[in-house]
Amino acid sequence: EARKIQLYRDGRILKADAFHESAEIGLSEVPVGSIDDVANQPDFS
């Protein structure tokens, strides 16, 4: 991941990049795999 955005139920929308991370949001420390790998997990689309 180079950049990420997370939306929360309470309306918060947070973003992160290599220079801006927090305990709430950060970039994955491992390669993310394929989009099919993610889509095939239960509870994810």
PDB file of all heavy atoms in Angstrom:
ATOM      1  N   GLU A   1       0.834  -1.194   0.000  1.00  0.00           N
ATOM      2  CA  GLU A   1       0.000   0.000   0.000  1.00  0.00           C
ATOM      3  C   GLU A   1       0.872   1.249   0.000  1.00  0.00           C
ATOM      4  O   GLU A   1       1.832   1.331   0.769  1.00  0.00           O
ATOM      5  CB  GLU A   1      -0.895   0.035   1.249  1.00  0.00           C
ATOM      6  CG  GLU A   1      -1.989  -0.979   1.242  1.00  0.00           C
ATOM      7  CD  GLU A   1      -2.831  -0.940   2.492  1.00  0.00           C
ATOM      8  OE1 GLU A   1      -2.275  -0.752   3.599  1.00  0.00           O
ATOM      9  OE2 GLU A   1      -4.046  -1.113   2.366  1.00  0.00           O
ATOM     10  N   ALA A   2       0.504   2.200  -0.835  1.00  0.00           N
ATOM     11  CA  ALA A   2       1.179   3.495  -0.849  1.00  0.00           C
ATOM     12  C   ALA A   2       0.359   4.530  -0.086  1.00  0.00           C
ATOM     13  O   ALA A   2       0.910   5.408   0.573  1.00  0.00           O
ATOM     14  CB  ALA A   2       1.400   3.962  -2.282  1.00  0.00           C
ATOM     15  N   ARG A   3      -0.966   4.405  -0.199  1.00  0.00           N
ATOM     16  CA  ARG A   3      -1.890   5.276   0.540  1.00  0.00           C
ATOM     17  C   ARG A   3      -3.130   4.459   0.890  1.00  0.00           C
ATOM     18  O   ARG A   3      -3.481   3.522   0.172  1.00  0.00           O
ATOM     19  CB  ARG A   3      -2.302   6.493  -0.293  1.00  0.00           C
ATOM     20  CG  ARG A   3      -1.156   7.421  -0.627  1.00  0.00           C
ATOM     21  CD  ARG A   3      -1.617   8.708  -1.280  1.00  0.00           C
ATOM     22  NE  ARG A   3      -2.146   8.462  -2.626  1.00  0.00           N
ATOM     23  CZ  ARG A   3      -2.807   9.374  -3.336  1.00  0.00           C
ATOM     24  NH1 ARG A   3      -3.051  10.585  -2.823  1.00  0.00           N
ATOM     25  NH2 ARG A   3      -3.244   9.097  -4.549  1.00  0.00           N
ATOM     26  N   LYS A   4      -3.791   4.849   1.992  1.00  0.00           N
ATOM     27  CA  LYS A   4      -4.979   4.131   2.448  1.00  0.00           C
ATOM     28  C   LYS A   4      -5.959   5.121   3.055  1.00  0.00           C
ATOM     29  O   LYS A   4      -5.555   6.105   3.674  1.00  0.00           O
ATOM     30  CB  LYS A   4      -4.598   3.102   3.505  1.00  0.00           C
ATOM     31  CG  LYS A   4      -5.789   2.325   4.077  1.00  0.00           C
ATOM     32  CD  LYS A   4      -5.403   1.546   5.312  1.00  0.00           C
ATOM     33  CE  LYS A   4      -4.771   0.238   4.941  1.00  0.00           C
ATOM     34  NZ  LYS A   4      -4.453  -0.583   6.108  1.00  0.00           N
ATOM     35  N   ILE A   5      -7.248   4.812   2.900  1.00  0.00           N
ATOM     36  CA  ILE A   5      -8.328   5.583   3.507  1.00  0.00           C
ATOM     37  C   ILE A   5      -9.218   4.590   4.239  1.00  0.00           C
ATOM     38  O   ILE A   5      -9.502   3.500   3.720  1.00  0.00           O
ATOM     39  CB  ILE A   5      -9.161   6.311   2.426  1.00  0.00           C
ATOM     40  CG1 ILE A   5      -8.269   7.196   1.559  1.00  0.00           C
ATOM     41  CG2 ILE A   5     -10.298   7.112   3.063  1.00  0.00           C
ATOM     42  CD1 ILE A   5      -8.861   7.500   0.200  1.00  0.00           C
ATOM     43  N   GLN A   6      -9.677   4.963   5.433  1.00  0.00           N
ATOM     44  CA  GLN A   6     -10.590   4.123   6.205  1.00  0.00           C
ATOM     45  C   GLN A   6     -11.818   4.937   6.592  1.00  0.00           C
ATOM     46  O   GLN A   6     -11.690   6.032   7.120  1.00  0.00           O
ATOM     47  CB  GLN A   6      -9.913   3.584   7.473  1.00  0.00           C
ATOM     48  CG  GLN A   6      -8.800   2.630   7.187  1.00  0.00           C
ATOM     49  CD  GLN A   6      -8.111   2.087   8.418  1.00  0.00           C
ATOM     50  OE1 GLN A   6      -7.244   1.264   8.270  1.00  0.00           O
ATOM     51  NE2 GLN A   6      -8.445   2.527   9.612  1.00  0.00           N
ATOM     52  N   LEU A   7     -13.011   4.372   6.341  1.00  0.00           N
ATOM     53  CA  LEU A   7     -14.273   4.990   6.736  1.00  0.00           C
ATOM     54  C   LEU A   7     -14.844   4.207   7.902  1.00  0.00           C
ATOM     55  O   LEU A   7     -14.861   2.971   7.881  1.00  0.00           O
ATOM     56  CB  LEU A   7     -15.271   4.954   5.584  1.00  0.00           C
ATOM     57  CG  LEU A   7     -15.041   5.923   4.430  1.00  0.00           C
ATOM     58  CD1 LEU A   7     -13.887   5.498   3.561  1.00  0.00           C
ATOM     59  CD2 LEU A   7     -16.294   6.043   3.617  1.00  0.00           C
ATOM     60  N   TYR A   8     -15.336   4.950   8.896  1.00  0.00           N
ATOM     61  CA  TYR A   8     -15.871   4.357  10.119  1.00  0.00           C
ATOM     62  C   TYR A   8     -17.366   4.616  10.227  1.00  0.00           C
ATOM     63  O   TYR A   8     -17.886   5.573   9.664  1.00  0.00           O
ATOM     64  CB  TYR A   8     -15.158   4.952  11.339  1.00  0.00           C
ATOM     65  CG  TYR A   8     -13.702   4.596  11.408  1.00  0.00           C
ATOM     66  CD1 TYR A   8     -12.755   5.325  10.688  1.00  0.00           C
ATOM     67  CD2 TYR A   8     -13.257   3.536  12.180  1.00  0.00           C
ATOM     68  CE1 TYR A   8     -11.411   5.002  10.741  1.00  0.00           C
ATOM     69  CE2 TYR A   8     -11.912   3.208  12.241  1.00  0.00           C
ATOM     70  CZ  TYR A   8     -10.992   3.945  11.524  1.00  0.00           C
ATOM     71  OH  TYR A   8      -9.668   3.620  11.576  1.00  0.00           O
ATOM     72  N   ARG A   9     -18.056   3.773  11.009  1.00  0.00           N
ATOM     73  CA  ARG A   9     -19.494   3.928  11.232  1.00  0.00           C
ATOM     74  C   ARG A   9     -19.864   5.294  11.770  1.00  0.00           C
ATOM     75  O   ARG A   9     -20.935   5.815  11.476  1.00  0.00           O
ATOM     76  CB  ARG A   9     -19.993   2.893  12.249  1.00  0.00           C
ATOM     77  CG  ARG A   9     -20.075   1.513  11.752  1.00  0.00           C
ATOM     78  CD  ARG A   9     -20.720   0.616  12.818  1.00  0.00           C
ATOM     79  NE  ARG A   9     -20.286  -0.747  12.686  1.00  0.00           N
ATOM     80  CZ  ARG A   9     -20.663  -1.568  11.734  1.00  0.00           C
ATOM     81  NH1 ARG A   9     -21.499  -1.155  10.813  1.00  0.00           N
ATOM     82  NH2 ARG A   9     -20.215  -2.794  11.679  1.00  0.00           N
ATOM     83  N   ASP A  10     -19.001   5.864  12.602  1.00  0.00           N
ATOM     84  CA  ASP A  10     -19.320   7.148  13.235  1.00  0.00           C
ATOM     85  C   ASP A  10     -19.074   8.346  12.317  1.00  0.00           C
ATOM     86  O   ASP A  10     -19.198   9.491  12.740  1.00  0.00           O
ATOM     87  CB  ASP A  10     -18.541   7.312  14.540  1.00  0.00           C
ATOM     88  CG  ASP A  10     -17.029   7.368  14.352  1.00  0.00           C
ATOM     89  OD1 ASP A  10     -16.547   7.420  13.201  1.00  0.00           O
ATOM     90  OD2 ASP A  10     -16.314   7.361  15.374  1.00  0.00           O
ATOM     91  N   GLY A  11     -18.712   8.086  11.060  1.00  0.00           N
ATOM     92  CA  GLY A  11     -18.529   9.162  10.098  1.00  0.00           C
ATOM     93  C   GLY A  11     -17.091   9.606   9.893  1.00  0.00           C
ATOM     94  O   GLY A  11     -16.808  10.385   8.980  1.00  0.00           O
ATOM     95  N   ARG A  12     -16.165   9.133  10.727  1.00  0.00           N
ATOM     96  CA  ARG A  12     -14.764   9.501  10.530  1.00  0.00           C
ATOM     97  C   ARG A  12     -14.244   8.908   9.234  1.00  0.00           C
ATOM     98  O   ARG A  12     -14.582   7.791   8.875  1.00  0.00           O
ATOM     99  CB  ARG A  12     -13.889   8.999  11.682  1.00  0.00           C
ATOM    100  CG  ARG A  12     -14.103   9.720  12.967  1.00  0.00           C
ATOM    101  CD  ARG A  12     -13.259   9.137  14.089  1.00  0.00           C
ATOM    102  NE  ARG A  12     -13.657   7.739  14.295  1.00  0.00           N
ATOM    103  CZ  ARG A  12     -12.802   6.750  14.542  1.00  0.00           C
ATOM    104  NH1 ARG A  12     -11.503   6.968  14.615  1.00  0.00           N
ATOM    105  NH2 ARG A  12     -13.242   5.510  14.722  1.00  0.00           N
ATOM    106  N   ILE A  13     -13.413   9.673   8.541  1.00  0.00           N
ATOM    107  CA  ILE A  13     -12.738   9.209   7.328  1.00  0.00           C
ATOM    108  C   ILE A  13     -11.269   9.593   7.498  1.00  0.00           C
ATOM    109  O   ILE A  13     -10.922  10.770   7.462  1.00  0.00           O
ATOM    110  CB  ILE A  13     -13.319   9.862   6.058  1.00  0.00           C
ATOM    111  CG1 ILE A  13     -14.832   9.647   5.982  1.00  0.00           C
ATOM    112  CG2 ILE A  13     -12.622   9.307   4.818  1.00  0.00           C
ATOM    113  CD1 ILE A  13     -15.502  10.417   4.854  1.00  0.00           C
ATOM    114  N   LEU A  14     -10.425   8.606   7.720  1.00  0.00           N
ATOM    115  CA  LEU A  14      -9.000   8.849   7.972  1.00  0.00           C
ATOM    116  C   LEU A  14      -8.167   8.377   6.792  1.00  0.00           C
ATOM    117  O   LEU A  14      -8.537   7.440   6.086  1.00  0.00           O
ATOM    118  CB  LEU A  14      -8.552   8.108   9.232  1.00  0.00           C
ATOM    119  CG  LEU A  14      -9.246   8.500  10.529  1.00  0.00           C
ATOM    120  CD1 LEU A  14      -8.713   7.652  11.683  1.00  0.00           C
ATOM    121  CD2 LEU A  14      -9.065   9.981  10.819  1.00  0.00           C
ATOM    122  N   LYS A  15      -7.021   9.046   6.611  1.00  0.00           N
ATOM    123  CA  LYS A  15      -6.104   8.638   5.549  1.00  0.00           C
ATOM    124  C   LYS A  15      -4.700   8.489   6.106  1.00  0.00           C
ATOM    125  O   LYS A  15      -4.359   9.082   7.131  1.00  0.00           O
ATOM    126  CB  LYS A  15      -6.132   9.630   4.391  1.00  0.00           C
ATOM    127  CG  LYS A  15      -5.687  11.042   4.732  1.00  0.00           C
ATOM    128  CD  LYS A  15      -5.869  11.942   3.517  1.00  0.00           C
ATOM    129  CE  LYS A  15      -5.596  13.393   3.811  1.00  0.00           C
ATOM    130  NZ  LYS A  15      -5.819  14.233   2.618  1.00  0.00           N
ATOM    131  N   ALA A  16      -3.914   7.678   5.405  1.00  0.00           N
ATOM    132  CA  ALA A  16      -2.530   7.436   5.809  1.00  0.00           C
ATOM    133  C   ALA A  16      -1.671   7.295   4.565  1.00  0.00           C
ATOM    134  O   ALA A  16      -2.133   6.849   3.516  1.00  0.00           O
ATOM    135  CB  ALA A  16      -2.418   6.176   6.655  1.00  0.00           C
ATOM    136  N   ASP A  17      -0.423   7.701   4.721  1.00  0.00           N
ATOM    137  CA  ASP A  17       0.606   7.425   3.724  1.00  0.00           C
ATOM    138  C   ASP A  17       1.871   7.079   4.486  1.00  0.00           C
ATOM    139  O   ASP A  17       1.821   6.907   5.710  1.00  0.00           O
ATOM    140  CB  ASP A  17       0.779   8.597   2.742  1.00  0.00           C
ATOM    141  CG  ASP A  17       1.261   9.890   3.389  1.00  0.00           C
ATOM    142  OD1 ASP A  17       1.741   9.869   4.560  1.00  0.00           O
ATOM    143  OD2 ASP A  17       1.173  10.932   2.734  1.00  0.00           O
ATOM    144  N   ALA A  18       2.980   6.979   3.814  1.00  0.00           N
ATOM    145  CA  ALA A  18       4.223   6.573   4.474  1.00  0.00           C
ATOM    146  C   ALA A  18       4.676   7.550   5.544  1.00  0.00           C
ATOM    147  O   ALA A  18       5.444   7.189   6.432  1.00  0.00           O
ATOM    148  CB  ALA A  18       5.323   6.390   3.432  1.00  0.00           C
ATOM    149  N   PHE A  19       4.186   8.782   5.507  1.00  0.00           N
ATOM    150  CA  PHE A  19       4.618   9.814   6.451  1.00  0.00           C
ATOM    151  C   PHE A  19       3.579  10.134   7.517  1.00  0.00           C
ATOM    152  O   PHE A  19       3.864  10.868   8.457  1.00  0.00           O
ATOM    153  CB  PHE A  19       4.971  11.094   5.691  1.00  0.00           C
ATOM    154  CG  PHE A  19       6.006  10.862   4.634  1.00  0.00           C
ATOM    155  CD1 PHE A  19       5.647  10.805   3.303  1.00  0.00           C
ATOM    156  CD2 PHE A  19       7.334  10.655   4.970  1.00  0.00           C
ATOM    157  CE1 PHE A  19       6.595  10.579   2.317  1.00  0.00           C
ATOM    158  CE2 PHE A  19       8.293  10.428   3.996  1.00  0.00           C
ATOM    159  CZ  PHE A  19       7.920  10.385   2.663  1.00  0.00           C
ATOM    160  N   HIS A  20       2.370   9.634   7.360  1.00  0.00           N
ATOM    161  CA  HIS A  20       1.277   9.939   8.281  1.00  0.00           C
ATOM    162  C   HIS A  20       0.557   8.649   8.650  1.00  0.00           C
ATOM    163  O   HIS A  20      -0.294   8.173   7.910  1.00  0.00           O
ATOM    164  CB  HIS A  20       0.269  10.899   7.643  1.00  0.00           C
ATOM    165  CG  HIS A  20       0.857  12.184   7.206  1.00  0.00           C
ATOM    166  ND1 HIS A  20       1.365  12.366   5.946  1.00  0.00           N
ATOM    167  CD2 HIS A  20       1.014  13.350   7.864  1.00  0.00           C
ATOM    168  CE1 HIS A  20       1.818  13.607   5.847  1.00  0.00           C
ATOM    169  NE2 HIS A  20       1.614  14.219   6.989  1.00  0.00           N
ATOM    170  N   GLU A  21       0.918   8.083   9.810  1.00  0.00           N
ATOM    171  CA  GLU A  21       0.267   6.890  10.321  1.00  0.00           C
ATOM    172  C   GLU A  21      -0.033   7.115  11.797  1.00  0.00           C
ATOM    173  O   GLU A  21       0.553   7.997  12.428  1.00  0.00           O
ATOM    174  CB  GLU A  21       1.155   5.661  10.147  1.00  0.00           C
ATOM    175  CG  GLU A  21       1.399   5.289   8.696  1.00  0.00           C
ATOM    176  CD  GLU A  21       2.215   4.024   8.549  1.00  0.00           C
ATOM    177  OE1 GLU A  21       3.276   3.925   9.192  1.00  0.00           O
ATOM    178  OE2 GLU A  21       1.787   3.132   7.806  1.00  0.00           O
ATOM    179  N   SER A  22      -0.946   6.320  12.335  1.00  0.00           N
ATOM    180  CA  SER A  22      -1.276   6.429  13.752  1.00  0.00           C
ATOM    181  C   SER A  22      -1.670   5.049  14.263  1.00  0.00           C
ATOM    182  O   SER A  22      -1.679   4.071  13.513  1.00  0.00           O
ATOM    183  CB  SER A  22      -2.441   7.410  13.952  1.00  0.00           C
ATOM    184  OG  SER A  22      -3.652   6.826  13.513  1.00  0.00           O
ATOM    185  N   ALA A  23      -2.070   4.999  15.521  1.00  0.00           N
ATOM    186  CA  ALA A  23      -2.560   3.733  16.079  1.00  0.00           C
ATOM    187  C   ALA A  23      -3.851   3.320  15.386  1.00  0.00           C
ATOM    188  O   ALA A  23      -4.172   2.137  15.321  1.00  0.00           O
ATOM    189  CB  ALA A  23      -2.780   3.875  17.580  1.00  0.00           C
ATOM    190  N   GLU A  24      -4.612   4.274  14.858  1.00  0.00           N
ATOM    191  CA  GLU A  24      -5.882   3.977  14.195  1.00  0.00           C
ATOM    192  C   GLU A  24      -5.730   3.543  12.748  1.00  0.00           C
ATOM    193  O   GLU A  24      -6.538   2.770  12.247  1.00  0.00           O
ATOM    194  CB  GLU A  24      -6.789   5.209  14.213  1.00  0.00           C
ATOM    195  CG  GLU A  24      -7.299   5.576  15.574  1.00  0.00           C
ATOM    196  CD  GLU A  24      -8.131   6.821  15.513  1.00  0.00           C
ATOM    197  OE1 GLU A  24      -7.568   7.896  15.266  1.00  0.00           O
ATOM    198  OE2 GLU A  24      -9.357   6.700  15.701  1.00  0.00           O
ATOM    199  N   ILE A  25      -4.742   4.065  12.057  1.00  0.00           N
ATOM    200  CA  ILE A  25      -4.600   3.780  10.627  1.00  0.00           C
ATOM    201  C   ILE A  25      -3.124   3.774  10.241  1.00  0.00           C
ATOM    202  O   ILE A  25      -2.350   4.633  10.667  1.00  0.00           O
ATOM    203  CB  ILE A  25      -5.385   4.785   9.750  1.00  0.00           C
ATOM    204  CG1 ILE A  25      -5.286   4.411   8.267  1.00  0.00           C
ATOM    205  CG2 ILE A  25      -4.977   6.208  10.029  1.00  0.00           C
ATOM    206  CD1 ILE A  25      -6.210   5.201   7.359  1.00  0.00           C
ATOM    207  N   GLY A  26      -2.772   2.783   9.443  1.00  0.00           N
ATOM    208  CA  GLY A  26      -1.416   2.682   8.929  1.00  0.00           C
ATOM    209  C   GLY A  26      -1.416   1.804   7.693  1.00  0.00           C
ATOM    210  O   GLY A  26      -2.386   1.097   7.409  1.00  0.00           O
ATOM    211  N   LEU A  27      -0.342   1.870   6.965  1.00  0.00           N
ATOM    212  CA  LEU A  27      -0.212   1.045   5.764  1.00  0.00           C
ATOM    213  C   LEU A  27       0.155  -0.379   6.152  1.00  0.00           C
ATOM    214  O   LEU A  27       0.796  -0.613   7.175  1.00  0.00           O
ATOM    215  CB  LEU A  27       0.871   1.635   4.850  1.00  0.00           C
ATOM    216  CG  LEU A  27       0.658   3.075   4.405  1.00  0.00           C
ATOM    217  CD1 LEU A  27       1.825   3.526   3.538  1.00  0.00           C
ATOM    218  CD2 LEU A  27      -0.663   3.244   3.678  1.00  0.00           C
ATOM    219  N   SER A  28      -0.256  -1.317   5.325  1.00  0.00           N
ATOM    220  CA  SER A  28       0.080  -2.709   5.558  1.00  0.00           C
ATOM    221  C   SER A  28       1.599  -2.887   5.526  1.00  0.00           C
ATOM    222  O   SER A  28       2.278  -2.295   4.696  1.00  0.00           O
ATOM    223  CB  SER A  28      -0.573  -3.586   4.487  1.00  0.00           C
ATOM    224  OG  SER A  28      -0.199  -4.931   4.668  1.00  0.00           O
ATOM    225  N   GLU A  29       2.108  -3.713   6.424  1.00  0.00           N
ATOM    226  CA  GLU A  29       3.551  -3.959   6.482  1.00  0.00           C
ATOM    227  C   GLU A  29       3.983  -5.119   5.588  1.00  0.00           C
ATOM    228  O   GLU A  29       5.160  -5.435   5.512  1.00  0.00           O
ATOM    229  CB  GLU A  29       3.970  -4.198   7.924  1.00  0.00           C
ATOM    230  CG  GLU A  29       3.755  -2.957   8.785  1.00  0.00           C
ATOM    231  CD  GLU A  29       4.144  -3.169  10.227  1.00  0.00           C
ATOM    232  OE1 GLU A  29       4.635  -4.260  10.585  1.00  0.00           O
ATOM    233  OE2 GLU A  29       3.952  -2.223  10.997  1.00  0.00           O
ATOM    234  N   VAL A  30       3.021  -5.754   4.944  1.00  0.00           N
ATOM    235  CA  VAL A  30       3.292  -6.862   4.026  1.00  0.00           C
ATOM    236  C   VAL A  30       2.560  -6.599   2.717  1.00  0.00           C
ATOM    237  O   VAL A  30       1.581  -5.844   2.688  1.00  0.00           O
ATOM    238  CB  VAL A  30       2.855  -8.227   4.619  1.00  0.00           C
ATOM    239  CG1 VAL A  30       3.636  -8.542   5.888  1.00  0.00           C
ATOM    240  CG2 VAL A  30       1.369  -8.253   4.890  1.00  0.00           C
ATOM    241  N   PRO A  31       2.997  -7.201   1.619  1.00  0.00           N
ATOM    242  CA  PRO A  31       2.250  -7.042   0.366  1.00  0.00           C
ATOM    243  C   PRO A  31       0.794  -7.496   0.551  1.00  0.00           C
ATOM    244  O   PRO A  31       0.526  -8.467   1.270  1.00  0.00           O
ATOM    245  CB  PRO A  31       2.992  -7.938  -0.619  1.00  0.00           C
ATOM    246  CG  PRO A  31       4.365  -8.088  -0.045  1.00  0.00           C
ATOM    247  CD  PRO A  31       4.175  -8.039   1.448  1.00  0.00           C
ATOM    248  N   VAL A  32      -0.134  -6.814  -0.095  1.00  0.00           N
ATOM    249  CA  VAL A  32      -1.559  -7.063   0.143  1.00  0.00           C
ATOM    250  C   VAL A  32      -2.121  -8.263  -0.607  1.00  0.00           C
ATOM    251  O   VAL A  32      -3.235  -8.686  -0.338  1.00  0.00           O
ATOM    252  CB  VAL A  32      -2.400  -5.803  -0.173  1.00  0.00           C
ATOM    253  CG1 VAL A  32      -2.047  -4.690   0.787  1.00  0.00           C
ATOM    254  CG2 VAL A  32      -2.228  -5.368  -1.609  1.00  0.00           C
ATOM    255  N   GLY A  33      -1.404  -8.822  -1.535  1.00  0.00           N
ATOM    256  CA  GLY A  33      -1.912  -9.940  -2.317  1.00  0.00           C
ATOM    257  C   GLY A  33      -2.789  -9.440  -3.452  1.00  0.00           C
ATOM    258  O   GLY A  33      -2.754  -8.269  -3.820  1.00  0.00           O
ATOM    259  N   SER A  34      -3.625 -10.320  -3.965  1.00  0.00           N
ATOM    260  CA  SER A  34      -4.473  -9.934  -5.094  1.00  0.00           C
ATOM    261  C   SER A  34      -5.841  -9.494  -4.589  1.00  0.00           C
ATOM    262  O   SER A  34      -6.271  -9.875  -3.498  1.00  0.00           O
ATOM    263  CB  SER A  34      -4.638 -11.107  -6.065  1.00  0.00           C
ATOM    264  OG  SER A  34      -5.522 -12.065  -5.530  1.00  0.00           O
ATOM    265  N   ILE A  35      -6.523  -8.746  -5.415  1.00  0.00           N
ATOM    266  CA  ILE A  35      -7.872  -8.315  -5.049  1.00  0.00           C
ATOM    267  C   ILE A  35      -8.807  -9.516  -4.934  1.00  0.00           C
ATOM    268  O   ILE A  35      -9.714  -9.525  -4.104  1.00  0.00           O
ATOM    269  CB  ILE A  35      -8.392  -7.245  -6.033  1.00  0.00           C
ATOM    270  CG1 ILE A  35      -9.626  -6.557  -5.418  1.00  0.00           C
ATOM    271  CG2 ILE A  35      -8.659  -7.846  -7.399  1.00  0.00           C
ATOM    272  CD1 ILE A  35     -10.007  -5.278  -6.095  1.00  0.00           C
ATOM    273  N   ASP A  36      -8.574 -10.554  -5.724  1.00  0.00           N
ATOM    274  CA  ASP A  36      -9.385 -11.769  -5.616  1.00  0.00           C
ATOM    275  C   ASP A  36      -9.198 -12.442  -4.257  1.00  0.00           C
ATOM    276  O   ASP A  36     -10.156 -12.966  -3.686  1.00  0.00           O
ATOM    277  CB  ASP A  36      -9.050 -12.749  -6.737  1.00  0.00           C
ATOM    278  CG  ASP A  36      -9.503 -12.253  -8.099  1.00  0.00           C
ATOM    279  OD1 ASP A  36     -10.467 -11.452  -8.156  1.00  0.00           O
ATOM    280  OD2 ASP A  36      -8.895 -12.653  -9.103  1.00  0.00           O
ATOM    281  N   ASP A  37      -7.956 -12.421  -3.736  1.00  0.00           N
ATOM    282  CA  ASP A  37      -7.706 -12.982  -2.403  1.00  0.00           C
ATOM    283  C   ASP A  37      -8.548 -12.266  -1.356  1.00  0.00           C
ATOM    284  O   ASP A  37      -9.112 -12.892  -0.462  1.00  0.00           O
ATOM    285  CB  ASP A  37      -6.232 -12.864  -2.019  1.00  0.00           C
ATOM    286  CG  ASP A  37      -5.320 -13.730  -2.852  1.00  0.00           C
ATOM    287  OD1 ASP A  37      -5.803 -14.709  -3.456  1.00  0.00           O
ATOM    288  OD2 ASP A  37      -4.107 -13.417  -2.905  1.00  0.00           O
ATOM    289  N   VAL A  38      -8.623 -10.947  -1.459  1.00  0.00           N
ATOM    290  CA  VAL A  38      -9.411 -10.162  -0.513  1.00  0.00           C
ATOM    291  C   VAL A  38     -10.901 -10.436  -0.703  1.00  0.00           C
ATOM    292  O   VAL A  38     -11.633 -10.692   0.261  1.00  0.00           O
ATOM    293  CB  VAL A  38      -9.107  -8.656  -0.659  1.00  0.00           C
ATOM    294  CG1 VAL A  38      -9.999  -7.822   0.250  1.00  0.00           C
ATOM    295  CG2 VAL A  38      -7.637  -8.366  -0.390  1.00  0.00           C
ATOM    296  N   ALA A  39     -11.364 -10.395  -1.941  1.00  0.00           N
ATOM    297  CA  ALA A  39     -12.794 -10.574  -2.232  1.00  0.00           C
ATOM    298  C   ALA A  39     -13.299 -11.959  -1.832  1.00  0.00           C
ATOM    299  O   ALA A  39     -14.482 -12.111  -1.520  1.00  0.00           O
ATOM    300  CB  ALA A  39     -13.052 -10.327  -3.714  1.00  0.00           C
ATOM    301  N   ASN A  40     -12.432 -12.941  -1.820  1.00  0.00           N
ATOM    302  CA  ASN A  40     -12.844 -14.303  -1.475  1.00  0.00           C
ATOM    303  C   ASN A  40     -12.886 -14.563   0.025  1.00  0.00           C
ATOM    304  O   ASN A  40     -13.271 -15.654   0.443  1.00  0.00           O
ATOM    305  CB  ASN A  40     -11.928 -15.326  -2.156  1.00  0.00           C
ATOM    306  CG  ASN A  40     -12.191 -15.408  -3.644  1.00  0.00           C
ATOM    307  OD1 ASN A  40     -13.313 -15.226  -4.099  1.00  0.00           O
ATOM    308  ND2 ASN A  40     -11.143 -15.667  -4.409  1.00  0.00           N
ATOM    309  N   GLN A  41     -12.507 -13.592   0.845  1.00  0.00           N
ATOM    310  CA  GLN A  41     -12.574 -13.758   2.290  1.00  0.00           C
ATOM    311  C   GLN A  41     -14.003 -13.493   2.767  1.00  0.00           C
ATOM    312  O   GLN A  41     -14.666 -12.569   2.275  1.00  0.00           O
ATOM    313  CB  GLN A  41     -11.626 -12.788   2.987  1.00  0.00           C
ATOM    314  CG  GLN A  41     -10.169 -13.059   2.723  1.00  0.00           C
ATOM    315  CD  GLN A  41      -9.288 -12.095   3.475  1.00  0.00           C
ATOM    316  OE1 GLN A  41      -9.500 -11.834   4.646  1.00  0.00           O
ATOM    317  NE2 GLN A  41      -8.300 -11.545   2.788  1.00  0.00           N
ATOM    318  N   PRO A  42     -14.479 -14.292   3.718  1.00  0.00           N
ATOM    319  CA  PRO A  42     -15.820 -14.035   4.263  1.00  0.00           C
ATOM    320  C   PRO A  42     -15.892 -12.620   4.830  1.00  0.00           C
ATOM    321  O   PRO A  42     -14.915 -12.100   5.368  1.00  0.00           O
ATOM    322  CB  PRO A  42     -15.961 -15.065   5.386  1.00  0.00           C
ATOM    323  CG  PRO A  42     -14.906 -16.081   5.136  1.00  0.00           C
ATOM    324  CD  PRO A  42     -13.812 -15.401   4.377  1.00  0.00           C
ATOM    325  N   ASP A  43     -17.018 -11.983   4.690  1.00  0.00           N
ATOM    326  CA  ASP A  43     -17.302 -10.651   5.230  1.00  0.00           C
ATOM    327  C   ASP A  43     -16.644  -9.505   4.466  1.00  0.00           C
ATOM    328  O   ASP A  43     -16.735  -8.353   4.888  1.00  0.00           O
ATOM    329  CB  ASP A  43     -16.924 -10.542   6.716  1.00  0.00           C
ATOM    330  CG  ASP A  43     -17.643 -11.566   7.573  1.00  0.00           C
ATOM    331  OD1 ASP A  43     -18.800 -11.895   7.259  1.00  0.00           O
ATOM    332  OD2 ASP A  43     -17.041 -12.043   8.556  1.00  0.00           O
ATOM    333  N   PHE A  44     -15.963  -9.784   3.354  1.00  0.00           N
ATOM    334  CA  PHE A  44     -15.341  -8.731   2.557  1.00  0.00           C
ATOM    335  C   PHE A  44     -15.883  -8.736   1.136  1.00  0.00           C
ATOM    336  O   PHE A  44     -16.131  -9.789   0.562  1.00  0.00           O
ATOM    337  CB  PHE A  44     -13.809  -8.906   2.491  1.00  0.00           C
ATOM    338  CG  PHE A  44     -13.114  -8.572   3.768  1.00  0.00           C
ATOM    339  CD1 PHE A  44     -12.890  -9.546   4.721  1.00  0.00           C
ATOM    340  CD2 PHE A  44     -12.690  -7.274   4.026  1.00  0.00           C
ATOM    341  CE1 PHE A  44     -12.242  -9.240   5.911  1.00  0.00           C
ATOM    342  CE2 PHE A  44     -12.046  -6.955   5.208  1.00  0.00           C
ATOM    343  CZ  PHE A  44     -11.825  -7.942   6.160  1.00  0.00           C
ATOM    344  N   SER A  45     -16.041  -7.554   0.580  1.00  0.00           N
ATOM    345  CA  SER A  45     -16.279  -7.424  -0.859  1.00  0.00           C
ATOM    346  C   SER A  45     -15.264  -6.405  -1.356  1.00  0.00           C
ATOM    347  O   SER A  45     -14.997  -5.409  -0.682  1.00  0.00           O
ATOM    348  CB  SER A  45     -17.714  -6.987  -1.157  1.00  0.00           C
ATOM    349  OG  SER A  45     -17.968  -5.717  -0.625  1.00  0.00           O
TER     350      SER A  45
END
